[in-house]
Amino acid sequence: MLPMRCPRGYYCPESTEFPLPCPIGTFGAGERLTDVTDCTTCYGGRFCSQYGLEAPDGECDPGFYCVDKSMTPVPKTLHVGGIGNVCEAGGYCEQATKYPLPCRPGFYQPNIGAEEYGDCTECECGMYCDGRPDETRTDIKTALIYLLDVLPGAYMSGPCDAGYYCSTGSSHPR
């Protein structure tokens, strides 16, 4: 029997008798891969739920974010290496989101699982929402600590400074 090219979605080490499938969380877009490390990590915002894929299965669902190597469109725990989670408070996650997206200054988002920008809430009168990351947040699990420098505060930033007033949607205390 003549040697055959290793098919897409598989890799074939030297002296192999049968192609080996790329693992879950990866895919093999090219032919003739020779090692498991030649399989491509599933892109952020996408998921790869099966062995031997030629391309990602699909996009991460709204309300969730999929970092690299996600195995499901709705990851609910953060595994070592980070695969994603339900969208954290302070942001929203549209379909195919790699990380939670922040609300713009003047808005905040206190709920988990937000799916679109329309889920952001306008800052109330007398308060301001600067949209900056809040590194003092305690609602984010230790495993998610990498989000602290990108995910804005889940609540209003604070009251307006004395001698100033803040109308609805204010982004600064003055």
C-alpha atoms as a PDB file:
ATOM      1  CA  MET A   1       0.000   0.000   0.000  1.00  0.00           C
ATOM      2  CA  LEU A   2       1.302   3.473  -0.861  1.00  0.00           C
ATOM      3  CA  PRO A   3       1.779   6.115   1.847  1.00  0.00           C
ATOM      4  CA  MET A   4      -1.083   8.604   2.089  1.00  0.00           C
ATOM      5  CA  ARG A   5      -1.111  12.262   3.098  1.00  0.00           C
ATOM      6  CA  CYS A   6      -2.201  12.904   6.637  1.00  0.00           C
ATOM      7  CA  PRO A   7      -5.728  14.425   6.348  1.00  0.00           C
ATOM      8  CA  ARG A   8      -6.939  17.740   7.739  1.00  0.00           C
ATOM      9  CA  GLY A   9      -7.900  17.521  11.409  1.00  0.00           C
ATOM     10  CA  TYR A  10      -5.261  14.877  12.090  1.00  0.00           C
ATOM     11  CA  TYR A  11      -1.518  14.587  12.633  1.00  0.00           C
ATOM     12  CA  CYS A  12       0.776  11.732  11.673  1.00  0.00           C
ATOM     13  CA  PRO A  13       4.036  11.243  13.591  1.00  0.00           C
ATOM     14  CA  GLU A  14       6.876   9.364  11.905  1.00  0.00           C
ATOM     15  CA  SER A  15       6.175   5.635  11.409  1.00  0.00           C
ATOM     16  CA  THR A  16       2.482   5.994  12.204  1.00  0.00           C
ATOM     17  CA  GLU A  17       0.018   3.459  10.862  1.00  0.00           C
ATOM     18  CA  PHE A  18      -3.133   5.568  11.368  1.00  0.00           C
ATOM     19  CA  PRO A  19      -3.730   9.338  11.574  1.00  0.00           C
ATOM     20  CA  LEU A  20      -4.225  10.689  15.118  1.00  0.00           C
ATOM     21  CA  PRO A  21      -7.020  13.267  15.614  1.00  0.00           C
ATOM     22  CA  CYS A  22      -6.247  16.783  16.806  1.00  0.00           C
ATOM     23  CA  PRO A  23      -7.502  17.039  20.419  1.00  0.00           C
ATOM     24  CA  ILE A  24     -10.650  18.774  21.615  1.00  0.00           C
ATOM     25  CA  GLY A  25      -9.942  22.517  21.910  1.00  0.00           C
ATOM     26  CA  THR A  26      -7.838  22.455  18.727  1.00  0.00           C
ATOM     27  CA  PHE A  27      -8.236  21.882  14.989  1.00  0.00           C
ATOM     28  CA  GLY A  28      -6.032  20.885  12.070  1.00  0.00           C
ATOM     29  CA  ALA A  29      -6.621  23.141   9.063  1.00  0.00           C
ATOM     30  CA  GLY A  30      -3.723  21.815   7.009  1.00  0.00           C
ATOM     31  CA  GLU A  31      -2.683  18.452   5.652  1.00  0.00           C
ATOM     32  CA  ARG A  32       0.472  16.560   6.594  1.00  0.00           C
ATOM     33  CA  LEU A  33       0.698  17.677  10.238  1.00  0.00           C
ATOM     34  CA  THR A  34       3.379  15.643  11.998  1.00  0.00           C
ATOM     35  CA  ASP A  35       2.887  16.413  15.701  1.00  0.00           C
ATOM     36  CA  VAL A  36       0.052  17.293  18.092  1.00  0.00           C
ATOM     37  CA  THR A  37       1.684  20.725  18.478  1.00  0.00           C
ATOM     38  CA  ASP A  38       0.942  21.320  14.781  1.00  0.00           C
ATOM     39  CA  CYS A  39      -2.783  21.353  15.619  1.00  0.00           C
ATOM     40  CA  THR A  40      -4.065  24.938  15.920  1.00  0.00           C
ATOM     41  CA  THR A  41      -5.472  26.131  19.240  1.00  0.00           C
ATOM     42  CA  CYS A  42      -9.128  27.062  18.860  1.00  0.00           C
ATOM     43  CA  TYR A  43      -9.323  30.849  18.432  1.00  0.00           C
ATOM     44  CA  GLY A  44     -10.762  33.169  21.060  1.00  0.00           C
ATOM     45  CA  GLY A  45     -14.482  33.688  20.501  1.00  0.00           C
ATOM     46  CA  ARG A  46     -14.751  30.219  18.892  1.00  0.00           C
ATOM     47  CA  PHE A  47     -15.039  26.668  20.248  1.00  0.00           C
ATOM     48  CA  CYS A  48     -13.737  23.243  19.179  1.00  0.00           C
ATOM     49  CA  SER A  49     -15.812  20.498  20.832  1.00  0.00           C
ATOM     50  CA  GLN A  50     -14.726  17.409  18.903  1.00  0.00           C
ATOM     51  CA  TYR A  51     -11.623  15.437  18.008  1.00  0.00           C
ATOM     52  CA  GLY A  52     -10.256  15.753  14.475  1.00  0.00           C
ATOM     53  CA  LEU A  53     -11.802  19.075  13.457  1.00  0.00           C
ATOM     54  CA  GLU A  54     -10.634  20.856  10.300  1.00  0.00           C
ATOM     55  CA  ALA A  55     -11.960  24.204  11.606  1.00  0.00           C
ATOM     56  CA  PRO A  56     -13.654  25.486  14.791  1.00  0.00           C
ATOM     57  CA  ASP A  57     -17.217  24.189  15.367  1.00  0.00           C
ATOM     58  CA  GLY A  58     -18.685  27.632  15.762  1.00  0.00           C
ATOM     59  CA  GLU A  59     -18.794  30.860  17.751  1.00  0.00           C
ATOM     60  CA  CYS A  60     -19.140  31.348  21.476  1.00  0.00           C
ATOM     61  CA  ASP A  61     -22.729  32.121  22.554  1.00  0.00           C
ATOM     62  CA  PRO A  62     -23.854  35.614  23.625  1.00  0.00           C
ATOM     63  CA  GLY A  63     -23.496  36.083  27.389  1.00  0.00           C
ATOM     64  CA  PHE A  64     -20.278  34.025  27.483  1.00  0.00           C
ATOM     65  CA  TYR A  65     -16.686  34.628  26.476  1.00  0.00           C
ATOM     66  CA  CYS A  66     -14.375  32.016  25.013  1.00  0.00           C
ATOM     67  CA  VAL A  67     -10.654  32.536  25.439  1.00  0.00           C
ATOM     68  CA  ASP A  68      -8.317  30.291  23.424  1.00  0.00           C
ATOM     69  CA  LYS A  69      -8.917  26.502  23.419  1.00  0.00           C
ATOM     70  CA  SER A  70     -12.600  26.638  24.364  1.00  0.00           C
ATOM     71  CA  MET A  71     -14.395  23.314  24.040  1.00  0.00           C
ATOM     72  CA  THR A  72     -17.964  24.619  24.334  1.00  0.00           C
ATOM     73  CA  PRO A  73     -19.932  27.703  23.236  1.00  0.00           C
ATOM     74  CA  VAL A  74     -21.039  28.213  26.850  1.00  0.00           C
ATOM     75  CA  PRO A  75     -18.016  27.713  29.149  1.00  0.00           C
ATOM     76  CA  LYS A  76     -18.979  28.031  32.798  1.00  0.00           C
ATOM     77  CA  THR A  77     -15.697  27.470  34.576  1.00  0.00           C
ATOM     78  CA  LEU A  78     -12.201  28.686  34.001  1.00  0.00           C
ATOM     79  CA  HIS A  79      -9.824  25.759  33.618  1.00  0.00           C
ATOM     80  CA  VAL A  80      -6.063  25.974  33.837  1.00  0.00           C
ATOM     81  CA  GLY A  81      -4.951  27.912  30.782  1.00  0.00           C
ATOM     82  CA  GLY A  82      -8.271  29.702  30.600  1.00  0.00           C
ATOM     83  CA  ILE A  83     -11.061  28.653  28.253  1.00  0.00           C
ATOM     84  CA  GLY A  84     -13.756  31.193  29.160  1.00  0.00           C
ATOM     85  CA  ASN A  85     -16.715  31.764  31.431  1.00  0.00           C
ATOM     86  CA  VAL A  86     -20.110  33.370  31.765  1.00  0.00           C
ATOM     87  CA  CYS A  87     -19.746  37.095  31.047  1.00  0.00           C
ATOM     88  CA  GLU A  88     -18.547  38.929  34.148  1.00  0.00           C
ATOM     89  CA  ALA A  89     -20.341  41.906  35.680  1.00  0.00           C
ATOM     90  CA  GLY A  90     -18.835  45.149  34.409  1.00  0.00           C
ATOM     91  CA  GLY A  91     -18.978  44.080  30.771  1.00  0.00           C
ATOM     92  CA  TYR A  92     -21.074  42.399  28.118  1.00  0.00           C
ATOM     93  CA  CYS A  93     -20.358  39.519  25.746  1.00  0.00           C
ATOM     94  CA  GLU A  94     -21.789  39.480  22.264  1.00  0.00           C
ATOM     95  CA  GLN A  95     -21.601  36.347  20.129  1.00  0.00           C
ATOM     96  CA  ALA A  96     -17.973  35.302  19.398  1.00  0.00           C
ATOM     97  CA  THR A  97     -16.462  37.351  22.253  1.00  0.00           C
ATOM     98  CA  LYS A  98     -12.942  36.490  23.455  1.00  0.00           C
ATOM     99  CA  TYR A  99     -13.107  38.711  26.588  1.00  0.00           C
ATOM    100  CA  PRO A 100     -15.917  40.750  28.159  1.00  0.00           C
ATOM    101  CA  LEU A 101     -16.381  44.106  26.413  1.00  0.00           C
ATOM    102  CA  PRO A 102     -16.573  47.194  28.657  1.00  0.00           C
ATOM    103  CA  CYS A 103     -19.476  49.625  28.801  1.00  0.00           C
ATOM    104  CA  ARG A 104     -18.416  53.099  27.737  1.00  0.00           C
ATOM    105  CA  PRO A 105     -17.799  55.845  30.327  1.00  0.00           C
ATOM    106  CA  GLY A 106     -21.072  57.129  31.777  1.00  0.00           C
ATOM    107  CA  PHE A 107     -22.471  53.585  31.931  1.00  0.00           C
ATOM    108  CA  TYR A 108     -22.012  50.524  34.151  1.00  0.00           C
ATOM    109  CA  GLN A 109     -23.169  46.900  34.094  1.00  0.00           C
ATOM    110  CA  PRO A 110     -23.807  45.142  37.445  1.00  0.00           C
ATOM    111  CA  ASN A 111     -25.061  41.760  36.171  1.00  0.00           C
ATOM    112  CA  ILE A 112     -23.329  38.603  34.960  1.00  0.00           C
ATOM    113  CA  GLY A 113     -24.312  37.142  31.593  1.00  0.00           C
ATOM    114  CA  ALA A 114     -24.917  40.441  29.762  1.00  0.00           C
ATOM    115  CA  GLU A 115     -25.194  39.820  26.012  1.00  0.00           C
ATOM    116  CA  GLU A 116     -25.127  43.252  24.362  1.00  0.00           C
ATOM    117  CA  TYR A 117     -24.210  46.881  24.839  1.00  0.00           C
ATOM    118  CA  GLY A 118     -27.884  47.638  25.524  1.00  0.00           C
ATOM    119  CA  ASP A 119     -27.473  45.746  28.817  1.00  0.00           C
ATOM    120  CA  CYS A 120     -25.266  48.577  30.111  1.00  0.00           C
ATOM    121  CA  THR A 121     -27.047  50.965  32.496  1.00  0.00           C
ATOM    122  CA  GLU A 122     -26.645  54.732  32.358  1.00  0.00           C
ATOM    123  CA  CYS A 123     -25.035  56.201  35.463  1.00  0.00           C
ATOM    124  CA  GLU A 124     -27.578  57.781  37.840  1.00  0.00           C
ATOM    125  CA  CYS A 125     -27.870  61.490  38.704  1.00  0.00           C
ATOM    126  CA  GLY A 126     -25.471  62.497  41.472  1.00  0.00           C
ATOM    127  CA  MET A 127     -23.064  59.679  40.594  1.00  0.00           C
ATOM    128  CA  TYR A 128     -20.364  59.166  37.978  1.00  0.00           C
ATOM    129  CA  CYS A 129     -19.162  56.112  36.058  1.00  0.00           C
ATOM    130  CA  ASP A 130     -15.653  56.553  34.645  1.00  0.00           C
ATOM    131  CA  GLY A 131     -15.492  53.168  32.864  1.00  0.00           C
ATOM    132  CA  ARG A 132     -11.986  52.445  34.160  1.00  0.00           C
ATOM    133  CA  PRO A 133     -10.986  49.011  35.468  1.00  0.00           C
ATOM    134  CA  ASP A 134     -11.603  48.529  39.189  1.00  0.00           C
ATOM    135  CA  GLU A 135      -8.672  46.570  40.626  1.00  0.00           C
ATOM    136  CA  THR A 136     -10.342  46.313  44.037  1.00  0.00           C
ATOM    137  CA  ARG A 137     -13.165  44.087  42.802  1.00  0.00           C
ATOM    138  CA  THR A 138     -13.778  41.079  45.025  1.00  0.00           C
ATOM    139  CA  ASP A 139     -16.485  39.441  42.884  1.00  0.00           C
ATOM    140  CA  ILE A 140     -13.956  38.104  40.364  1.00  0.00           C
ATOM    141  CA  LYS A 141     -12.487  34.727  41.285  1.00  0.00           C
ATOM    142  CA  THR A 142      -8.748  34.417  41.813  1.00  0.00           C
ATOM    143  CA  ALA A 143      -8.465  32.393  38.590  1.00  0.00           C
ATOM    144  CA  LEU A 144      -9.924  35.368  36.702  1.00  0.00           C
ATOM    145  CA  ILE A 145      -7.503  37.926  38.160  1.00  0.00           C
ATOM    146  CA  TYR A 146      -6.171  38.654  34.645  1.00  0.00           C
ATOM    147  CA  LEU A 147      -9.483  40.432  33.926  1.00  0.00           C
ATOM    148  CA  LEU A 148      -8.921  43.087  36.599  1.00  0.00           C
ATOM    149  CA  ASP A 149      -6.891  45.333  34.321  1.00  0.00           C
ATOM    150  CA  VAL A 150      -9.404  45.170  31.454  1.00  0.00           C
ATOM    151  CA  LEU A 151     -12.839  44.740  33.026  1.00  0.00           C
ATOM    152  CA  PRO A 152     -14.417  47.968  34.297  1.00  0.00           C
ATOM    153  CA  GLY A 153     -16.206  48.292  37.600  1.00  0.00           C
ATOM    154  CA  ALA A 154     -19.537  46.565  37.913  1.00  0.00           C
ATOM    155  CA  TYR A 155     -21.037  49.478  39.817  1.00  0.00           C
ATOM    156  CA  MET A 156     -21.067  53.253  39.681  1.00  0.00           C
ATOM    157  CA  SER A 157     -17.635  54.764  40.404  1.00  0.00           C
ATOM    158  CA  GLY A 158     -18.847  57.092  43.147  1.00  0.00           C
ATOM    159  CA  PRO A 159     -20.678  60.304  44.054  1.00  0.00           C
ATOM    160  CA  CYS A 160     -19.925  63.636  42.417  1.00  0.00           C
ATOM    161  CA  ASP A 161     -17.439  65.918  44.158  1.00  0.00           C
ATOM    162  CA  ALA A 162     -18.748  68.591  46.506  1.00  0.00           C
ATOM    163  CA  GLY A 163     -19.465  71.811  44.630  1.00  0.00           C
ATOM    164  CA  TYR A 164     -20.340  69.913  41.417  1.00  0.00           C
ATOM    165  CA  TYR A 165     -23.375  68.091  40.134  1.00  0.00           C
ATOM    166  CA  CYS A 166     -23.563  65.083  37.879  1.00  0.00           C
ATOM    167  CA  SER A 167     -26.424  64.600  35.464  1.00  0.00           C
ATOM    168  CA  THR A 168     -27.467  61.165  34.210  1.00  0.00           C
ATOM    169  CA  GLY A 169     -24.619  59.472  32.340  1.00  0.00           C
ATOM    170  CA  SER A 170     -21.777  61.452  33.941  1.00  0.00           C
ATOM    171  CA  SER A 171     -18.304  59.960  33.494  1.00  0.00           C
ATOM    172  CA  HIS A 172     -16.350  62.279  35.817  1.00  0.00           C
ATOM    173  CA  PRO A 173     -16.897  63.447  39.441  1.00  0.00           C
ATOM    174  CA  ARG A 174     -16.688  67.121  38.376  1.00  0.00           C
END
